[in-house]
Amino acid sequence: MKLLIVRHGDPDYDRDSLTEKGWREAGYLAERLAAVETRAYYVSPLGRAKDTASCTLERVGRAAEECPWLREFHAPVWRPDVTEREMIPWDWLPQDWTADERFFHYDRWHESETLQAGGVKAEYDRVTGALDKLLEGWGYRRDGHLYRAVQPNNDTLVFFCHFGVGCVLLSHLLNISPMVLWHNTCAAPSSVTTVATEERRTGIASFRMLSFGDISHLYHHEEPPAFAARFRETFANDWERQD
């Protein structure tokens, strides 16, 4: 089984939709995904993900199942360097999150006092539990850090969602701390991340990431990637975002 985790196109967060560039990206993405034999499509309830999905769904004449748990991951915390408001549990300053060794461990990242106060693990479990329930319906039942291939198949499922929740899904499938994925990876708008099962012994499956944040559909159309989700490459680059 293959899972395609798709980030929405370049976002217009104020309108919860896409920018003009984002709509172009969604169109190029649709051209690419239309060539993929897909069993089912799933989409976040947020506008920017639904708008991105709409281009593909219209092109292939299909519908997507809307899943509340695919909305952007929501568990606000008091980030160490921000005292006036709660924020998303990623985008921390590197010198802050890397100072806590627990964040690097798959089974200890949630022990941080900051994350505990924000209920991050409870929301993580809600999202990953919903993912496991869906996968079990497709023949793969979670068993510890692996999956039991009850009804193994070569189906492809596509998920239109967001960077933060996409990292949560990958964290669970690959047994990696989400803090590492949130801070050390960047999936550009409209990018496609592909994971697939490997069943090297009968009935025992694990997921392996085949590609992360692929934007070849943009390069094919000479469309530069959006900068969303990144921070300035050098501190002197004051035209790029700092926080």
Protein backbone atom coordinates (compact mmCIF):
# COMPACT_ATOMS: atom_id res chain seq x y z
CA MET A 1 0.00 0.00 0.00
CA LYS A 2 1.14 3.53 -0.77
CA LEU A 3 0.14 6.70 1.05
CA LEU A 4 0.60 10.09 -0.62
CA ILE A 5 0.67 12.93 1.92
CA VAL A 6 0.10 16.19 0.05
CA ARG A 7 0.60 19.64 1.50
CA HIS A 8 -1.78 22.35 0.28
CA GLY A 9 -0.64 24.90 -2.27
CA ASP A 10 0.87 28.29 -1.41
CA PRO A 11 -1.53 29.53 1.27
CA ASP A 12 -3.52 32.69 1.78
CA TYR A 13 -3.95 32.19 5.52
CA ASP A 14 -6.15 35.28 5.98
CA ARG A 15 -8.81 33.81 3.67
CA ASP A 16 -7.93 30.16 4.38
CA SER A 17 -7.53 29.62 0.66
CA LEU A 18 -4.72 29.77 -1.89
CA THR A 19 -2.75 32.60 -3.38
CA GLU A 20 -2.70 33.05 -7.15
CA LYS A 21 0.56 31.09 -7.11
CA GLY A 22 -1.06 28.44 -4.93
CA TRP A 23 -3.80 27.88 -7.50
CA ARG A 24 -1.17 27.40 -10.19
CA GLU A 25 0.61 24.89 -7.98
CA ALA A 26 -2.65 23.03 -7.37
CA GLY A 27 -3.26 22.83 -11.11
CA TYR A 28 0.20 21.40 -11.79
CA LEU A 29 -0.27 18.98 -8.89
CA ALA A 30 -3.59 17.83 -10.37
CA GLU A 31 -1.88 17.06 -13.64
CA ARG A 32 0.56 14.86 -11.77
CA LEU A 33 -1.91 13.11 -9.45
CA ALA A 34 -4.36 12.39 -12.27
CA ALA A 35 -1.81 9.90 -13.59
CA VAL A 36 -1.76 7.99 -10.27
CA GLU A 37 -4.22 5.11 -9.94
CA THR A 38 -5.82 6.03 -6.63
CA ARG A 39 -8.33 4.06 -4.58
CA ALA A 40 -9.42 6.87 -2.26
CA TYR A 41 -8.88 10.56 -1.53
CA TYR A 42 -9.02 12.16 1.92
CA VAL A 43 -8.98 15.87 2.68
CA SER A 44 -8.68 18.26 5.60
CA PRO A 45 -11.77 20.39 6.35
CA LEU A 46 -9.72 23.60 6.02
CA GLY A 47 -10.16 25.73 2.93
CA ARG A 48 -6.58 25.77 1.68
CA ALA A 49 -6.44 21.97 1.62
CA LYS A 50 -9.91 21.61 0.10
CA ASP A 51 -9.07 24.16 -2.59
CA THR A 52 -5.87 22.29 -3.42
CA ALA A 53 -7.73 18.99 -3.61
CA SER A 54 -10.48 20.47 -5.77
CA CYS A 55 -8.22 20.75 -8.81
CA THR A 56 -7.29 17.08 -8.69
CA LEU A 57 -10.80 15.88 -7.87
CA GLU A 58 -12.32 17.88 -10.73
CA ARG A 59 -9.73 16.54 -13.13
CA VAL A 60 -10.32 12.88 -12.21
CA GLY A 61 -14.08 13.18 -11.61
CA ARG A 62 -13.86 11.91 -8.03
CA ALA A 63 -14.80 13.02 -4.53
CA ALA A 64 -12.77 13.04 -1.34
CA GLU A 65 -13.78 12.07 2.17
CA GLU A 66 -13.41 15.02 4.53
CA CYS A 67 -11.58 14.03 7.72
CA PRO A 68 -11.58 16.43 10.71
CA TRP A 69 -8.36 14.84 12.03
CA LEU A 70 -6.52 15.92 8.86
CA ARG A 71 -6.94 19.61 9.70
CA GLU A 72 -3.74 21.39 10.66
CA PHE A 73 -2.45 20.00 13.94
CA HIS A 74 -3.89 22.13 16.74
CA ALA A 75 -2.37 21.96 20.21
CA PRO A 76 -1.08 25.44 21.09
CA VAL A 77 1.78 25.82 23.57
CA TRP A 78 3.68 28.59 25.31
CA ARG A 79 6.85 28.64 23.23
CA PRO A 80 9.93 29.43 25.36
CA ASP A 81 10.72 32.68 23.54
CA VAL A 82 7.14 33.94 23.18
CA THR A 83 5.33 34.99 26.35
CA GLU A 84 2.38 37.02 25.06
CA ARG A 85 0.42 34.27 23.30
CA GLU A 86 0.21 30.53 22.72
CA MET A 87 1.58 29.23 19.43
CA ILE A 88 1.80 26.08 17.33
CA PRO A 89 4.08 23.44 18.90
CA TRP A 90 6.71 23.81 16.15
CA ASP A 91 8.79 26.67 14.72
CA TRP A 92 10.73 26.90 17.98
CA LEU A 93 14.13 28.55 17.90
CA PRO A 94 16.77 25.83 17.35
CA GLN A 95 18.64 26.79 20.50
CA ASP A 96 15.49 26.17 22.53
CA TRP A 97 14.14 22.85 21.30
CA THR A 98 17.53 21.17 20.77
CA ALA A 99 18.44 21.89 24.40
CA ASP A 100 15.98 19.21 25.55
CA GLU A 101 17.31 15.75 24.67
CA ARG A 102 13.86 14.23 25.13
CA PHE A 103 12.66 15.87 21.91
CA PHE A 104 14.95 13.61 19.89
CA HIS A 105 13.40 10.38 21.24
CA TYR A 106 10.36 8.74 19.66
CA ASP A 107 9.01 7.67 23.04
CA ARG A 108 10.02 10.67 25.19
CA TRP A 109 9.41 13.80 23.06
CA HIS A 110 6.06 14.42 24.77
CA GLU A 111 7.54 14.49 28.30
CA SER A 112 8.49 18.15 27.90
CA GLU A 113 6.68 20.28 30.46
CA THR A 114 5.74 22.75 27.71
CA LEU A 115 4.13 20.08 25.54
CA GLN A 116 2.40 18.47 28.51
CA ALA A 117 0.81 21.79 29.44
CA GLY A 118 -0.48 22.16 25.88
CA GLY A 119 -1.97 18.67 25.71
CA VAL A 120 0.12 17.93 22.62
CA LYS A 121 0.38 14.17 23.18
CA ALA A 122 -3.39 13.81 23.59
CA GLU A 123 -3.95 15.55 20.25
CA TYR A 124 -1.18 13.48 18.67
CA ASP A 125 -2.86 10.28 19.88
CA ARG A 126 -6.23 11.46 18.55
CA VAL A 127 -4.80 12.07 15.08
CA THR A 128 -2.70 8.93 14.89
CA GLY A 129 -5.51 6.83 16.32
CA ALA A 130 -7.78 8.03 13.51
CA LEU A 131 -5.08 7.20 10.97
CA ASP A 132 -4.71 3.68 12.37
CA LYS A 133 -8.46 3.17 12.29
CA LEU A 134 -8.51 4.17 8.63
CA LEU A 135 -5.56 1.93 7.76
CA GLU A 136 -7.16 -1.02 9.52
CA GLY A 137 -10.16 -0.56 7.24
CA TRP A 138 -7.74 -0.95 4.33
CA GLY A 139 -6.23 -4.14 5.72
CA TYR A 140 -3.34 -2.95 7.92
CA ARG A 141 -3.69 -3.21 11.71
CA ARG A 142 -1.24 -1.43 14.02
CA ASP A 143 0.76 -3.77 16.27
CA GLY A 144 3.37 -1.97 18.35
CA HIS A 145 5.75 -0.19 15.97
CA LEU A 146 4.64 -2.32 12.98
CA TYR A 147 1.45 -3.23 11.13
CA ARG A 148 -0.18 -6.59 10.64
CA ALA A 149 -0.99 -7.04 6.97
CA VAL A 150 -4.40 -8.62 7.43
CA GLN A 151 -5.39 -7.91 3.85
CA PRO A 152 -2.23 -6.76 2.06
CA ASN A 153 -2.75 -4.76 -1.11
CA ASN A 154 -1.15 -2.43 -3.64
CA ASP A 155 -3.72 0.36 -3.26
CA THR A 156 -2.82 4.06 -3.18
CA LEU A 157 -4.48 6.57 -0.84
CA VAL A 158 -4.03 10.34 -1.17
CA PHE A 159 -4.26 12.72 1.80
CA PHE A 160 -4.60 16.47 1.16
CA CYS A 161 -3.56 18.17 4.38
CA HIS A 162 -0.94 20.42 6.01
CA PHE A 163 2.71 20.47 7.02
CA GLY A 164 2.22 20.10 10.78
CA VAL A 165 -0.26 17.26 10.69
CA GLY A 166 1.63 15.63 7.83
CA CYS A 167 4.68 15.42 10.11
CA VAL A 168 2.50 13.84 12.79
CA LEU A 169 1.36 11.15 10.37
CA LEU A 170 4.96 10.48 9.31
CA SER A 171 6.11 10.46 12.92
CA HIS A 172 3.65 7.68 13.70
CA LEU A 173 4.23 5.64 10.56
CA LEU A 174 8.03 5.86 10.77
CA ASN A 175 8.42 5.88 14.58
CA ILE A 176 10.22 9.25 14.67
CA SER A 177 9.77 12.14 17.09
CA PRO A 178 7.46 14.75 15.52
CA MET A 179 9.66 17.50 16.96
CA VAL A 180 12.51 16.32 14.74
CA LEU A 181 10.27 16.28 11.66
CA TRP A 182 8.61 19.61 12.47
CA HIS A 183 11.95 21.38 12.84
CA ASN A 184 14.37 19.57 10.54
CA THR A 185 12.25 19.06 7.43
CA CYS A 186 10.35 21.36 5.11
CA ALA A 187 7.60 20.17 2.80
CA ALA A 188 6.99 23.01 0.36
CA PRO A 189 3.44 23.96 -0.64
CA SER A 190 1.83 21.40 -3.00
CA SER A 191 4.60 18.87 -2.28
CA VAL A 192 3.99 15.13 -2.24
CA THR A 193 5.47 12.76 0.32
CA THR A 194 5.17 9.05 -0.45
CA VAL A 195 5.37 6.18 2.03
CA ALA A 196 4.83 2.54 1.15
CA THR A 197 4.50 -0.70 3.04
CA GLU A 198 7.20 -3.33 2.94
CA GLU A 199 6.15 -6.90 3.79
CA ARG A 200 9.39 -8.87 3.93
CA ARG A 201 7.76 -11.65 5.93
CA THR A 202 4.17 -12.75 5.50
CA GLY A 203 1.75 -10.61 7.45
CA ILE A 204 4.30 -8.18 8.94
CA ALA A 205 4.40 -4.73 7.32
CA SER A 206 6.33 -1.57 7.99
CA PHE A 207 6.16 1.79 6.24
CA ARG A 208 9.16 3.23 4.43
CA MET A 209 9.38 6.77 3.06
CA LEU A 210 10.10 6.68 -0.67
CA SER A 211 10.20 10.44 -1.18
CA PHE A 212 9.70 13.53 0.97
CA GLY A 213 8.30 16.87 -0.14
CA ASP A 214 8.59 16.10 -3.86
CA ILE A 215 7.83 19.14 -6.04
CA SER A 216 8.89 17.76 -9.41
CA HIS A 217 5.52 18.86 -10.83
CA LEU A 218 6.56 22.46 -10.15
CA TYR A 219 9.98 22.09 -11.73
CA HIS A 220 8.33 20.48 -14.76
CA HIS A 221 6.41 23.74 -15.30
CA GLU A 222 9.34 25.98 -14.26
CA GLU A 223 7.34 27.13 -11.25
CA PRO A 224 9.64 28.04 -8.34
CA PRO A 225 8.75 26.55 -4.94
CA ALA A 226 7.06 28.82 -2.43
CA PHE A 227 9.05 29.88 0.62
CA ALA A 228 6.24 29.00 3.05
CA ALA A 229 7.43 26.86 6.01
CA ARG A 230 11.02 28.08 5.68
CA PHE A 231 13.00 30.74 7.51
CA ARG A 232 15.77 33.01 6.24
CA GLU A 233 18.78 31.15 4.88
CA THR A 234 21.20 33.62 6.44
CA PHE A 235 20.30 36.19 9.07
CA ALA A 236 21.31 38.96 6.68
CA ASN A 237 18.52 37.93 4.27
CA ASP A 238 16.03 40.42 5.65
CA TRP A 239 13.65 39.84 2.73
CA GLU A 240 13.01 36.31 4.05
CA ARG A 241 11.01 35.68 7.20
CA GLN A 242 12.73 35.51 10.57
CA ASP A 243 9.88 34.13 12.74
